[in-house]
């Protein structure tokens, strides 16, 4: 019995299936932890979502920014960008079933001595607090008012956490940190502009996981989202988005011994 954490799939169904064969995944025995962004920009988003739905008893996942974008687009909010591969899901015969299921998936999970979130956690948040904040968003997304939230998730502000935040501003900070953040300023403000490599990070910014006095450091955090970072494994952070969509690889990490398994991918999209 093994647990494998897998980075951003983004509709790259064939590499996903190749990786499952490489790890000899047994859905009756093993479990997948999927780091979000199951869909979008790869050629087979619908096939990925169908597979995960069909194997949901062997899968735990967190929502990524592209998964939320799909949910918003399906309700008529947001803009379908060039290169998006979302409408095949929206128009599929089983699309509503898949979307209703996706909408009820968690923003963050924890167990087996690890936490998982798609992008990152703000330095003020302990693991327990982050799980509570994730649950606030989950309750809205799975509740009767989910359309109102999806209509208002887009936006880069507020850029800083406060316990006094309420309503959509509170939801947006939580969502942006957990699904879009890579870097913060040195005084803890979210930066959503820089997407490049670690070596080129501007001097006024730091990776969220290197924040001084980060309160979630007591539990290793698994994340994806930052494809230019690549595989980045330390004692307390395991970043596993290795850029399958862009011609990198799709990576699985076995939690019990941190062994890494990767499948090379051909590029489905090009940068620039």
C-alpha atoms as a PDB file:
ATOM      1  CA  UNK A   1       0.000   0.000   0.000  1.00  0.00           C
ATOM      2  CA  UNK A   2       1.585   3.253  -1.160  1.00  0.00           C
ATOM      3  CA  UNK A   3       0.629   6.921  -1.430  1.00  0.00           C
ATOM      4  CA  UNK A   4       1.918   8.821  -4.454  1.00  0.00           C
ATOM      5  CA  UNK A   5       1.735  12.601  -4.767  1.00  0.00           C
ATOM      6  CA  UNK A   6       1.498  13.722  -8.398  1.00  0.00           C
ATOM      7  CA  UNK A   7       2.079  17.218  -9.749  1.00  0.00           C
ATOM      8  CA  UNK A   8       0.002  19.289 -12.169  1.00  0.00           C
ATOM      9  CA  UNK A   9      -1.523  17.095 -14.901  1.00  0.00           C
ATOM     10  CA  UNK A  10      -3.336  19.876 -16.799  1.00  0.00           C
ATOM     11  CA  UNK A  11      -5.108  17.642 -19.266  1.00  0.00           C
ATOM     12  CA  UNK A  12      -1.999  15.617 -20.175  1.00  0.00           C
ATOM     13  CA  UNK A  13      -3.829  12.302 -20.005  1.00  0.00           C
ATOM     14  CA  UNK A  14      -1.368  10.046 -21.857  1.00  0.00           C
ATOM     15  CA  UNK A  15       1.656  10.981 -19.698  1.00  0.00           C
ATOM     16  CA  UNK A  16      -0.569  10.547 -16.638  1.00  0.00           C
ATOM     17  CA  UNK A  17      -1.439   7.012 -17.692  1.00  0.00           C
ATOM     18  CA  UNK A  18       2.220   6.263 -18.486  1.00  0.00           C
ATOM     19  CA  UNK A  19       3.202   7.464 -15.020  1.00  0.00           C
ATOM     20  CA  UNK A  20       0.556   5.272 -13.390  1.00  0.00           C
ATOM     21  CA  UNK A  21       1.966   2.284 -15.253  1.00  0.00           C
ATOM     22  CA  UNK A  22       5.500   3.193 -14.191  1.00  0.00           C
ATOM     23  CA  UNK A  23       4.561   3.243 -10.497  1.00  0.00           C
ATOM     24  CA  UNK A  24       2.393   0.130 -10.982  1.00  0.00           C
ATOM     25  CA  UNK A  25      -0.538   1.948  -9.445  1.00  0.00           C
ATOM     26  CA  UNK A  26      -3.110  -0.405  -7.928  1.00  0.00           C
ATOM     27  CA  UNK A  27      -6.384   1.465  -7.334  1.00  0.00           C
ATOM     28  CA  UNK A  28      -7.580  -1.190  -4.926  1.00  0.00           C
ATOM     29  CA  UNK A  29      -4.550  -0.726  -2.723  1.00  0.00           C
ATOM     30  CA  UNK A  30      -2.654   2.490  -3.486  1.00  0.00           C
ATOM     31  CA  UNK A  31      -3.738   6.122  -3.155  1.00  0.00           C
ATOM     32  CA  UNK A  32      -2.981   9.151  -5.314  1.00  0.00           C
ATOM     33  CA  UNK A  33      -2.623  12.657  -3.900  1.00  0.00           C
ATOM     34  CA  UNK A  34      -3.150  15.041  -6.807  1.00  0.00           C
ATOM     35  CA  UNK A  35      -1.735  18.546  -6.373  1.00  0.00           C
ATOM     36  CA  UNK A  36      -4.441  20.347  -8.371  1.00  0.00           C
ATOM     37  CA  UNK A  37      -4.720  21.668 -11.915  1.00  0.00           C
ATOM     38  CA  UNK A  38      -6.083  18.417 -13.243  1.00  0.00           C
ATOM     39  CA  UNK A  39      -7.329  20.259 -16.299  1.00  0.00           C
ATOM     40  CA  UNK A  40      -6.685  22.913 -18.910  1.00  0.00           C
ATOM     41  CA  UNK A  41      -4.286  23.588 -21.757  1.00  0.00           C
ATOM     42  CA  UNK A  42      -3.391  19.949 -22.259  1.00  0.00           C
ATOM     43  CA  UNK A  43      -5.307  18.081 -24.989  1.00  0.00           C
ATOM     44  CA  UNK A  44      -7.374  15.654 -22.884  1.00  0.00           C
ATOM     45  CA  UNK A  45      -8.764  17.541 -19.908  1.00  0.00           C
ATOM     46  CA  UNK A  46     -12.067  15.677 -20.113  1.00  0.00           C
ATOM     47  CA  UNK A  47     -10.337  12.282 -20.069  1.00  0.00           C
ATOM     48  CA  UNK A  48      -8.264  13.244 -17.016  1.00  0.00           C
ATOM     49  CA  UNK A  49     -11.302  14.464 -15.106  1.00  0.00           C
ATOM     50  CA  UNK A  50     -13.302  11.366 -16.019  1.00  0.00           C
ATOM     51  CA  UNK A  51     -10.492   9.064 -14.880  1.00  0.00           C
ATOM     52  CA  UNK A  52     -10.116  10.817 -11.528  1.00  0.00           C
ATOM     53  CA  UNK A  53     -13.879  10.831 -10.983  1.00  0.00           C
ATOM     54  CA  UNK A  54     -14.093   7.118 -11.782  1.00  0.00           C
ATOM     55  CA  UNK A  55     -11.245   6.345  -9.355  1.00  0.00           C
ATOM     56  CA  UNK A  56     -12.249   8.817  -6.667  1.00  0.00           C
ATOM     57  CA  UNK A  57     -12.137   6.161  -3.944  1.00  0.00           C
ATOM     58  CA  UNK A  58      -8.386   5.872  -4.557  1.00  0.00           C
ATOM     59  CA  UNK A  59      -7.722   9.592  -4.997  1.00  0.00           C
ATOM     60  CA  UNK A  60      -7.338  12.603  -2.758  1.00  0.00           C
ATOM     61  CA  UNK A  61      -6.878  15.941  -4.484  1.00  0.00           C
ATOM     62  CA  UNK A  62      -6.797  19.680  -3.975  1.00  0.00           C
ATOM     63  CA  UNK A  63      -8.204  22.328  -6.270  1.00  0.00           C
ATOM     64  CA  UNK A  64      -5.834  24.401  -8.391  1.00  0.00           C
ATOM     65  CA  UNK A  65      -6.350  27.692 -10.151  1.00  0.00           C
ATOM     66  CA  UNK A  66      -7.185  26.010 -13.466  1.00  0.00           C
ATOM     67  CA  UNK A  67      -9.761  23.778 -11.778  1.00  0.00           C
ATOM     68  CA  UNK A  68     -11.418  26.863 -10.279  1.00  0.00           C
ATOM     69  CA  UNK A  69     -11.216  28.596 -13.664  1.00  0.00           C
ATOM     70  CA  UNK A  70     -13.090  25.656 -15.178  1.00  0.00           C
ATOM     71  CA  UNK A  71     -15.804  25.927 -12.539  1.00  0.00           C
ATOM     72  CA  UNK A  72     -16.164  29.657 -13.122  1.00  0.00           C
ATOM     73  CA  UNK A  73     -16.283  29.299 -16.927  1.00  0.00           C
ATOM     74  CA  UNK A  74     -18.898  26.560 -16.621  1.00  0.00           C
ATOM     75  CA  UNK A  75     -21.174  29.060 -14.860  1.00  0.00           C
ATOM     76  CA  UNK A  76     -20.605  31.785 -17.431  1.00  0.00           C
ATOM     77  CA  UNK A  77     -17.983  33.722 -15.484  1.00  0.00           C
ATOM     78  CA  UNK A  78     -14.394  34.379 -16.424  1.00  0.00           C
ATOM     79  CA  UNK A  79     -12.965  34.391 -19.933  1.00  0.00           C
ATOM     80  CA  UNK A  80     -11.953  31.407 -22.020  1.00  0.00           C
ATOM     81  CA  UNK A  81      -8.358  32.150 -22.999  1.00  0.00           C
ATOM     82  CA  UNK A  82      -6.526  30.993 -26.139  1.00  0.00           C
ATOM     83  CA  UNK A  83      -5.128  27.561 -25.396  1.00  0.00           C
ATOM     84  CA  UNK A  84      -7.777  26.677 -22.794  1.00  0.00           C
ATOM     85  CA  UNK A  85      -9.206  23.164 -23.121  1.00  0.00           C
ATOM     86  CA  UNK A  86     -12.247  23.531 -20.890  1.00  0.00           C
ATOM     87  CA  UNK A  87     -15.316  23.698 -23.087  1.00  0.00           C
ATOM     88  CA  UNK A  88     -15.203  19.995 -23.958  1.00  0.00           C
ATOM     89  CA  UNK A  89     -15.892  19.337 -20.277  1.00  0.00           C
ATOM     90  CA  UNK A  90     -18.627  21.956 -20.031  1.00  0.00           C
ATOM     91  CA  UNK A  91     -20.420  20.527 -23.083  1.00  0.00           C
ATOM     92  CA  UNK A  92     -19.879  16.829 -22.327  1.00  0.00           C
ATOM     93  CA  UNK A  93     -22.906  14.652 -21.590  1.00  0.00           C
ATOM     94  CA  UNK A  94     -21.482  13.910 -18.154  1.00  0.00           C
ATOM     95  CA  UNK A  95     -20.094  17.420 -17.705  1.00  0.00           C
ATOM     96  CA  UNK A  96     -22.497  18.519 -14.983  1.00  0.00           C
ATOM     97  CA  UNK A  97     -21.793  15.403 -12.914  1.00  0.00           C
ATOM     98  CA  UNK A  98     -18.050  15.959 -13.225  1.00  0.00           C
ATOM     99  CA  UNK A  99     -18.287  19.681 -12.427  1.00  0.00           C
ATOM    100  CA  UNK A 100     -20.546  19.179  -9.410  1.00  0.00           C
ATOM    101  CA  UNK A 101     -18.093  16.620  -8.070  1.00  0.00           C
ATOM    102  CA  UNK A 102     -15.075  18.848  -8.756  1.00  0.00           C
ATOM    103  CA  UNK A 103     -16.727  21.787  -6.999  1.00  0.00           C
ATOM    104  CA  UNK A 104     -16.884  19.744  -3.792  1.00  0.00           C
ATOM    105  CA  UNK A 105     -13.196  18.840  -3.685  1.00  0.00           C
ATOM    106  CA  UNK A 106     -10.914  20.321  -0.994  1.00  0.00           C
ATOM    107  CA  UNK A 107      -8.599  23.287  -1.207  1.00  0.00           C
ATOM    108  CA  UNK A 108      -6.104  21.617   1.134  1.00  0.00           C
ATOM    109  CA  UNK A 109      -5.589  18.210   2.695  1.00  0.00           C
ATOM    110  CA  UNK A 110      -3.383  16.834   5.464  1.00  0.00           C
ATOM    111  CA  UNK A 111      -2.508  13.347   6.650  1.00  0.00           C
ATOM    112  CA  UNK A 112       0.301  10.798   6.850  1.00  0.00           C
ATOM    113  CA  UNK A 113       2.548  13.554   8.225  1.00  0.00           C
ATOM    114  CA  UNK A 114       2.115  15.778   5.146  1.00  0.00           C
ATOM    115  CA  UNK A 115      -0.084  18.655   3.999  1.00  0.00           C
ATOM    116  CA  UNK A 116      -0.935  19.380   0.371  1.00  0.00           C
ATOM    117  CA  UNK A 117      -2.044  22.615  -1.269  1.00  0.00           C
ATOM    118  CA  UNK A 118      -1.844  23.613  -4.915  1.00  0.00           C
ATOM    119  CA  UNK A 119       0.293  26.768  -4.613  1.00  0.00           C
ATOM    120  CA  UNK A 120       1.291  27.798  -1.107  1.00  0.00           C
ATOM    121  CA  UNK A 121       0.480  29.046   2.384  1.00  0.00           C
ATOM    122  CA  UNK A 122       0.905  32.508   3.808  1.00  0.00           C
ATOM    123  CA  UNK A 123       3.512  32.794   6.582  1.00  0.00           C
ATOM    124  CA  UNK A 124       0.942  33.741   9.240  1.00  0.00           C
ATOM    125  CA  UNK A 125      -0.945  30.487   8.830  1.00  0.00           C
ATOM    126  CA  UNK A 126      -0.291  27.356  10.833  1.00  0.00           C
ATOM    127  CA  UNK A 127      -1.311  24.097   9.173  1.00  0.00           C
ATOM    128  CA  UNK A 128      -4.396  23.917  11.379  1.00  0.00           C
ATOM    129  CA  UNK A 129      -5.401  27.488  10.605  1.00  0.00           C
ATOM    130  CA  UNK A 130      -4.848  26.982   6.877  1.00  0.00           C
ATOM    131  CA  UNK A 131      -7.071  23.891   6.955  1.00  0.00           C
ATOM    132  CA  UNK A 132      -9.802  25.918   8.679  1.00  0.00           C
ATOM    133  CA  UNK A 133      -9.501  28.708   6.099  1.00  0.00           C
ATOM    134  CA  UNK A 134      -9.568  26.158   3.277  1.00  0.00           C
ATOM    135  CA  UNK A 135     -12.762  24.759   4.767  1.00  0.00           C
ATOM    136  CA  UNK A 136     -14.369  28.205   4.624  1.00  0.00           C
ATOM    137  CA  UNK A 137     -13.845  28.274   0.854  1.00  0.00           C
ATOM    138  CA  UNK A 138     -14.896  24.642   0.485  1.00  0.00           C
ATOM    139  CA  UNK A 139     -18.166  25.342   2.298  1.00  0.00           C
ATOM    140  CA  UNK A 140     -18.923  28.213  -0.062  1.00  0.00           C
ATOM    141  CA  UNK A 141     -18.041  26.230  -3.176  1.00  0.00           C
ATOM    142  CA  UNK A 142     -20.129  23.225  -2.156  1.00  0.00           C
ATOM    143  CA  UNK A 143     -23.032  25.309  -0.825  1.00  0.00           C
ATOM    144  CA  UNK A 144     -26.038  26.938  -2.484  1.00  0.00           C
ATOM    145  CA  UNK A 145     -24.246  30.265  -3.003  1.00  0.00           C
ATOM    146  CA  UNK A 146     -21.335  28.862  -5.004  1.00  0.00           C
ATOM    147  CA  UNK A 147     -22.201  30.838  -8.148  1.00  0.00           C
ATOM    148  CA  UNK A 148     -21.773  34.120  -6.316  1.00  0.00           C
ATOM    149  CA  UNK A 149     -18.292  33.099  -5.200  1.00  0.00           C
ATOM    150  CA  UNK A 150     -17.286  31.880  -8.672  1.00  0.00           C
ATOM    151  CA  UNK A 151     -18.454  35.170 -10.147  1.00  0.00           C
ATOM    152  CA  UNK A 152     -16.090  37.107  -7.886  1.00  0.00           C
ATOM    153  CA  UNK A 153     -12.967  34.965  -7.475  1.00  0.00           C
ATOM    154  CA  UNK A 154     -10.958  36.799 -10.145  1.00  0.00           C
ATOM    155  CA  UNK A 155      -8.721  39.620  -8.966  1.00  0.00           C
ATOM    156  CA  UNK A 156      -5.353  40.204  -7.322  1.00  0.00           C
ATOM    157  CA  UNK A 157      -6.492  42.151  -4.271  1.00  0.00           C
ATOM    158  CA  UNK A 158      -6.337  42.154  -1.329  1.00  0.00           C
ATOM    159  CA  UNK A 159      -2.656  41.169  -1.350  1.00  0.00           C
ATOM    160  CA  UNK A 160      -2.260  40.716   2.393  1.00  0.00           C
ATOM    161  CA  UNK A 161      -3.949  38.537   4.970  1.00  0.00           C
ATOM    162  CA  UNK A 162      -5.902  39.929   7.900  1.00  0.00           C
ATOM    163  CA  UNK A 163      -8.101  38.011  10.300  1.00  0.00           C
ATOM    164  CA  UNK A 164     -10.563  40.891   9.964  1.00  0.00           C
ATOM    165  CA  UNK A 165     -11.196  40.269   6.262  1.00  0.00           C
ATOM    166  CA  UNK A 166     -14.761  39.260   5.446  1.00  0.00           C
ATOM    167  CA  UNK A 167     -16.843  38.192   2.497  1.00  0.00           C
ATOM    168  CA  UNK A 168     -15.396  37.930  -0.981  1.00  0.00           C
ATOM    169  CA  UNK A 169     -12.151  39.707  -0.004  1.00  0.00           C
ATOM    170  CA  UNK A 170     -11.476  37.031   2.600  1.00  0.00           C
ATOM    171  CA  UNK A 171     -12.289  34.254   0.127  1.00  0.00           C
ATOM    172  CA  UNK A 172     -10.094  35.798  -2.562  1.00  0.00           C
ATOM    173  CA  UNK A 173      -6.982  36.057  -0.371  1.00  0.00           C
ATOM    174  CA  UNK A 174      -7.355  32.439   0.686  1.00  0.00           C
ATOM    175  CA  UNK A 175      -7.914  31.292  -2.895  1.00  0.00           C
ATOM    176  CA  UNK A 176      -5.061  33.371  -4.314  1.00  0.00           C
ATOM    177  CA  UNK A 177      -2.603  32.126  -1.707  1.00  0.00           C
ATOM    178  CA  UNK A 178      -3.603  28.492  -2.000  1.00  0.00           C
ATOM    179  CA  UNK A 179      -3.951  28.312  -5.782  1.00  0.00           C
ATOM    180  CA  UNK A 180      -1.904  31.147  -7.384  1.00  0.00           C
ATOM    181  CA  UNK A 181       0.914  32.291  -5.094  1.00  0.00           C
ATOM    182  CA  UNK A 182       4.588  31.557  -5.753  1.00  0.00           C
ATOM    183  CA  UNK A 183       6.300  34.510  -4.084  1.00  0.00           C
ATOM    184  CA  UNK A 184       5.696  37.047  -1.364  1.00  0.00           C
ATOM    185  CA  UNK A 185       7.337  40.347  -0.536  1.00  0.00           C
ATOM    186  CA  UNK A 186       9.681  40.372   2.415  1.00  0.00           C
ATOM    187  CA  UNK A 187       6.920  41.788   4.594  1.00  0.00           C
ATOM    188  CA  UNK A 188       4.403  39.110   3.607  1.00  0.00           C
ATOM    189  CA  UNK A 189       2.413  40.599   0.725  1.00  0.00           C
ATOM    190  CA  UNK A 190       1.326  38.223  -2.066  1.00  0.00           C
ATOM    191  CA  UNK A 191       3.047  38.712  -5.432  1.00  0.00           C
ATOM    192  CA  UNK A 192       1.260  37.220  -8.429  1.00  0.00           C
ATOM    193  CA  UNK A 193       3.385  38.630 -11.233  1.00  0.00           C
ATOM    194  CA  UNK A 194       6.628  36.633 -11.257  1.00  0.00           C
ATOM    195  CA  UNK A 195       6.460  33.139 -12.771  1.00  0.00           C
ATOM    196  CA  UNK A 196      10.097  32.480 -13.667  1.00  0.00           C
ATOM    197  CA  UNK A 197      12.911  30.387 -12.272  1.00  0.00           C
ATOM    198  CA  UNK A 198      14.149  30.475  -8.693  1.00  0.00           C
ATOM    199  CA  UNK A 199      17.564  31.852  -9.658  1.00  0.00           C
ATOM    200  CA  UNK A 200      15.976  34.943 -11.212  1.00  0.00           C
ATOM    201  CA  UNK A 201      13.570  35.882  -8.429  1.00  0.00           C
ATOM    202  CA  UNK A 202      13.654  39.690  -7.910  1.00  0.00           C
ATOM    203  CA  UNK A 203      15.541  40.813  -4.812  1.00  0.00           C
ATOM    204  CA  UNK A 204      12.443  42.230  -3.135  1.00  0.00           C
ATOM    205  CA  UNK A 205      10.635  38.870  -3.289  1.00  0.00           C
ATOM    206  CA  UNK A 206      11.070  35.453  -1.700  1.00  0.00           C
ATOM    207  CA  UNK A 207       9.427  32.078  -2.320  1.00  0.00           C
ATOM    208  CA  UNK A 208       6.492  31.610   0.030  1.00  0.00           C
ATOM    209  CA  UNK A 209       8.193  28.584   1.590  1.00  0.00           C
ATOM    210  CA  UNK A 210      11.301  30.592   2.511  1.00  0.00           C
ATOM    211  CA  UNK A 211       9.391  33.216   4.484  1.00  0.00           C
ATOM    212  CA  UNK A 212      11.007  33.968   7.865  1.00  0.00           C
ATOM    213  CA  UNK A 213       8.985  32.609  10.770  1.00  0.00           C
ATOM    214  CA  UNK A 214       6.644  30.684   8.486  1.00  0.00           C
ATOM    215  CA  UNK A 215       4.194  29.067  10.893  1.00  0.00           C
ATOM    216  CA  UNK A 216       3.442  26.015   8.732  1.00  0.00           C
ATOM    217  CA  UNK A 217       7.003  24.753   8.871  1.00  0.00           C
ATOM    218  CA  UNK A 218       6.203  22.000  11.381  1.00  0.00           C
ATOM    219  CA  UNK A 219       4.658  19.800   8.664  1.00  0.00           C
ATOM    220  CA  UNK A 220       6.097  19.183   5.176  1.00  0.00           C
ATOM    221  CA  UNK A 221       3.926  20.821   2.509  1.00  0.00           C
ATOM    222  CA  UNK A 222       3.444  19.265  -0.918  1.00  0.00           C
ATOM    223  CA  UNK A 223       2.572  21.717  -3.681  1.00  0.00           C
ATOM    224  CA  UNK A 224       2.524  22.190  -7.435  1.00  0.00           C
ATOM    225  CA  UNK A 225       1.760  25.270  -9.555  1.00  0.00           C
ATOM    226  CA  UNK A 226       5.293  26.660 -10.039  1.00  0.00           C
ATOM    227  CA  UNK A 227       6.456  24.765 -13.130  1.00  0.00           C
ATOM    228  CA  UNK A 228       9.549  26.955 -13.630  1.00  0.00           C
ATOM    229  CA  UNK A 229      10.723  25.938 -10.166  1.00  0.00           C
ATOM    230  CA  UNK A 230      10.752  22.291 -11.164  1.00  0.00           C
ATOM    231  CA  UNK A 231      11.232  19.492  -8.676  1.00  0.00           C
ATOM    232  CA  UNK A 232      12.217  21.124  -5.384  1.00  0.00           C
ATOM    233  CA  UNK A 233      12.360  18.792  -2.409  1.00  0.00           C
ATOM    234  CA  UNK A 234      13.611  19.855   1.012  1.00  0.00           C
ATOM    235  CA  UNK A 235      12.854  18.746   4.531  1.00  0.00           C
ATOM    236  CA  UNK A 236       9.723  20.906   4.743  1.00  0.00           C
ATOM    237  CA  UNK A 237       8.543  21.526   1.158  1.00  0.00           C
ATOM    238  CA  UNK A 238       7.995  19.172  -1.777  1.00  0.00           C
ATOM    239  CA  UNK A 239       7.241  21.116  -4.961  1.00  0.00           C
ATOM    240  CA  UNK A 240       6.354  18.620  -7.689  1.00  0.00           C
ATOM    241  CA  UNK A 241       5.089  20.556 -10.722  1.00  0.00           C
ATOM    242  CA  UNK A 242       7.751  19.610 -13.254  1.00  0.00           C
ATOM    243  CA  UNK A 243       6.120  21.211 -16.283  1.00  0.00           C
ATOM    244  CA  UNK A 244       4.584  18.323 -18.198  1.00  0.00           C
ATOM    245  CA  UNK A 245       2.451  20.764 -20.194  1.00  0.00           C
ATOM    246  CA  UNK A 246       5.541  22.645 -21.360  1.00  0.00           C
ATOM    247  CA  UNK A 247       7.621  19.617 -22.366  1.00  0.00           C
ATOM    248  CA  UNK A 248       9.112  18.863 -18.978  1.00  0.00           C
ATOM    249  CA  UNK A 249       7.980  15.780 -17.095  1.00  0.00           C
ATOM    250  CA  UNK A 250       5.139  14.490 -14.964  1.00  0.00           C
ATOM    251  CA  UNK A 251       6.312  13.505 -11.515  1.00  0.00           C
ATOM    252  CA  UNK A 252       5.071  11.227  -8.754  1.00  0.00           C
ATOM    253  CA  UNK A 253       6.626  11.191  -5.296  1.00  0.00           C
ATOM    254  CA  UNK A 254       6.042   8.220  -2.994  1.00  0.00           C
ATOM    255  CA  UNK A 255       5.380   9.669   0.428  1.00  0.00           C
ATOM    256  CA  UNK A 256       6.725   6.877   2.599  1.00  0.00           C
ATOM    257  CA  UNK A 257      10.279   7.097   1.252  1.00  0.00           C
ATOM    258  CA  UNK A 258      10.186  10.197  -0.995  1.00  0.00           C
ATOM    259  CA  UNK A 259      11.265   8.207  -4.022  1.00  0.00           C
ATOM    260  CA  UNK A 260      10.653  10.164  -7.230  1.00  0.00           C
ATOM    261  CA  UNK A 261       9.210   8.717 -10.444  1.00  0.00           C
ATOM    262  CA  UNK A 262       8.991  10.788 -13.639  1.00  0.00           C
ATOM    263  CA  UNK A 263       7.780  10.445 -17.201  1.00  0.00           C
ATOM    264  CA  UNK A 264       9.155  12.794 -19.888  1.00  0.00           C
ATOM    265  CA  UNK A 265       6.462  14.767 -21.707  1.00  0.00           C
ATOM    266  CA  UNK A 266       6.255  16.335 -25.109  1.00  0.00           C
ATOM    267  CA  UNK A 267       5.194  19.980 -25.052  1.00  0.00           C
ATOM    268  CA  UNK A 268       1.492  20.609 -25.506  1.00  0.00           C
ATOM    269  CA  UNK A 269       1.905  24.382 -25.147  1.00  0.00           C
ATOM    270  CA  UNK A 270       4.829  26.732 -25.687  1.00  0.00           C
ATOM    271  CA  UNK A 271       5.910  29.556 -23.425  1.00  0.00           C
ATOM    272  CA  UNK A 272       5.614  33.093 -24.738  1.00  0.00           C
END
